[in-house]
C-alpha atoms as a PDB file:
ATOM      1  CA  MET A   1       0.000   0.000   0.000  1.00  0.00           C
ATOM      2  CA  GLY A   2       1.376   3.392  -0.970  1.00  0.00           C
ATOM      3  CA  ARG A   3       0.973   6.691   0.746  1.00  0.00           C
ATOM      4  CA  THR A   4      -1.715   9.017  -0.486  1.00  0.00           C
ATOM      5  CA  ILE A   5       0.188  12.119   0.635  1.00  0.00           C
ATOM      6  CA  PRO A   6       3.942  12.739   0.760  1.00  0.00           C
ATOM      7  CA  SER A   7       5.652  12.755   4.142  1.00  0.00           C
ATOM      8  CA  PHE A   8       5.369  16.106   5.840  1.00  0.00           C
ATOM      9  CA  ARG A   9       9.137  16.438   6.001  1.00  0.00           C
ATOM     10  CA  ILE A  10       9.262  16.436   2.216  1.00  0.00           C
ATOM     11  CA  ALA A  11       6.226  18.718   1.952  1.00  0.00           C
ATOM     12  CA  ALA A  12       7.848  21.215   4.354  1.00  0.00           C
ATOM     13  CA  MET A  13      11.040  21.234   2.278  1.00  0.00           C
ATOM     14  CA  LEU A  14       8.978  21.949  -0.846  1.00  0.00           C
ATOM     15  CA  GLU A  15       7.194  24.774   0.950  1.00  0.00           C
ATOM     16  CA  GLU A  16      10.494  26.265   2.064  1.00  0.00           C
ATOM     17  CA  LYS A  17      11.766  26.153  -1.530  1.00  0.00           C
ATOM     18  CA  GLU A  18       8.661  28.011  -2.665  1.00  0.00           C
ATOM     19  CA  TRP A  19       9.506  30.794  -0.195  1.00  0.00           C
ATOM     20  CA  ASN A  20      13.109  31.092  -1.389  1.00  0.00           C
ATOM     21  CA  LEU A  21      12.257  34.004  -3.687  1.00  0.00           C
ATOM     22  CA  PHE A  22      10.935  35.909  -0.667  1.00  0.00           C
ATOM     23  CA  ARG A  23      14.089  34.991   1.247  1.00  0.00           C
ATOM     24  CA  LYS A  24      16.283  36.113  -1.640  1.00  0.00           C
ATOM     25  CA  TYR A  25      14.954  39.665  -1.409  1.00  0.00           C
ATOM     26  CA  LEU A  26      15.324  40.080   2.335  1.00  0.00           C
ATOM     27  CA  ASP A  27      17.715  42.997   2.685  1.00  0.00           C
ATOM     28  CA  LYS A  28      20.033  41.902   5.468  1.00  0.00           C
ATOM     29  CA  LYS A  29      21.920  38.708   6.156  1.00  0.00           C
ATOM     30  CA  ARG A  30      20.521  38.479   9.685  1.00  0.00           C
ATOM     31  CA  ARG A  31      16.961  38.611   8.330  1.00  0.00           C
ATOM     32  CA  LYS A  32      17.760  35.726   6.014  1.00  0.00           C
ATOM     33  CA  LYS A  33      19.135  33.844   9.033  1.00  0.00           C
ATOM     34  CA  ALA A  34      15.948  34.616  10.962  1.00  0.00           C
ATOM     35  CA  PHE A  35      13.894  33.297   8.041  1.00  0.00           C
ATOM     36  CA  ASP A  36      15.954  30.092   8.009  1.00  0.00           C
ATOM     37  CA  ASP A  37      15.543  29.764  11.772  1.00  0.00           C
ATOM     38  CA  LEU A  38      11.755  29.928  11.447  1.00  0.00           C
ATOM     39  CA  PHE A  39      11.687  26.998   9.054  1.00  0.00           C
ATOM     40  CA  SER A  40      14.086  25.150  11.366  1.00  0.00           C
ATOM     41  CA  ILE A  41      11.574  25.597  14.184  1.00  0.00           C
ATOM     42  CA  ALA A  42       8.879  24.035  12.030  1.00  0.00           C
ATOM     43  CA  ARG A  43      11.058  20.929  11.591  1.00  0.00           C
ATOM     44  CA  LEU A  44      10.843  20.340  15.351  1.00  0.00           C
ATOM     45  CA  TYR A  45       7.116  19.709  14.931  1.00  0.00           C
ATOM     46  CA  ASN A  46       7.158  17.571  11.762  1.00  0.00           C
ATOM     47  CA  SER A  47       5.400  14.645  13.405  1.00  0.00           C
ATOM     48  CA  SER A  48       2.621  16.855  14.768  1.00  0.00           C
ATOM     49  CA  CYS A  49       2.230  18.565  11.409  1.00  0.00           C
ATOM     50  CA  LEU A  50       1.918  15.199   9.721  1.00  0.00           C
ATOM     51  CA  TYR A  51      -1.100  14.337  11.834  1.00  0.00           C
ATOM     52  CA  ALA A  52      -2.746  17.688  11.100  1.00  0.00           C
ATOM     53  CA  VAL A  53      -3.321  16.459   7.502  1.00  0.00           C
ATOM     54  CA  ASN A  54      -3.933  19.918   6.139  1.00  0.00           C
ATOM     55  CA  PRO A  55      -3.728  20.285   2.362  1.00  0.00           C
ATOM     56  CA  ILE A  56      -2.290  23.798   2.713  1.00  0.00           C
ATOM     57  CA  ARG A  57       1.284  23.093   3.837  1.00  0.00           C
ATOM     58  CA  ILE A  58       2.081  26.527   5.246  1.00  0.00           C
ATOM     59  CA  TYR A  59      -0.677  26.391   7.903  1.00  0.00           C
ATOM     60  CA  PRO A  60       0.879  23.677  10.104  1.00  0.00           C
ATOM     61  CA  ILE A  61       4.316  25.235   9.539  1.00  0.00           C
ATOM     62  CA  MET A  62       3.057  28.611  10.772  1.00  0.00           C
ATOM     63  CA  MET A  63       1.278  26.999  13.703  1.00  0.00           C
ATOM     64  CA  SER A  64       4.514  25.230  14.677  1.00  0.00           C
ATOM     65  CA  ILE A  65       6.370  28.543  14.647  1.00  0.00           C
ATOM     66  CA  VAL A  66       3.658  30.293  16.672  1.00  0.00           C
ATOM     67  CA  LEU A  67       3.548  27.460  19.209  1.00  0.00           C
ATOM     68  CA  TYR A  68       7.320  27.515  19.647  1.00  0.00           C
ATOM     69  CA  GLN A  69       7.425  31.303  20.040  1.00  0.00           C
ATOM     70  CA  TYR A  70       4.562  31.150  22.553  1.00  0.00           C
ATOM     71  CA  LYS A  71       6.434  28.516  24.549  1.00  0.00           C
ATOM     72  CA  ILE A  72       9.568  30.696  24.634  1.00  0.00           C
ATOM     73  CA  LEU A  73       7.614  33.794  25.700  1.00  0.00           C
ATOM     74  CA  LYS A  74       5.823  31.854  28.419  1.00  0.00           C
ATOM     75  CA  GLU A  75       9.143  30.503  29.765  1.00  0.00           C
ATOM     76  CA  LYS A  76      10.615  34.027  29.811  1.00  0.00           C
ATOM     77  CA  LYS A  77       7.555  35.341  31.617  1.00  0.00           C
ATOM     78  CA  LEU A  78       7.966  32.643  34.277  1.00  0.00           C
ATOM     79  CA  THR A  79      11.641  33.473  34.800  1.00  0.00           C
ATOM     80  CA  ILE A  80      10.848  37.197  35.090  1.00  0.00           C
ATOM     81  CA  THR A  81       8.145  36.645  37.718  1.00  0.00           C
ATOM     82  CA  LEU A  82      10.298  34.320  39.831  1.00  0.00           C
END
């Protein structure tokens, strides 16, 4: 039995390639690094994204990034209040 959809890891790489034109026109090297870091964050959640089974690949990628950033902000808030 074959898969009906490609693995999310492959789909995320394809999505990142589609955004390379946007990345190309970012004006500073550190912004390009930040862009790369965002897609790296999404790779941390590949297994969760796979189970989301959303035909629009960027949605689970964005949600992964938002979730990670929320987690970081929440941890910083806890360290500030302690």
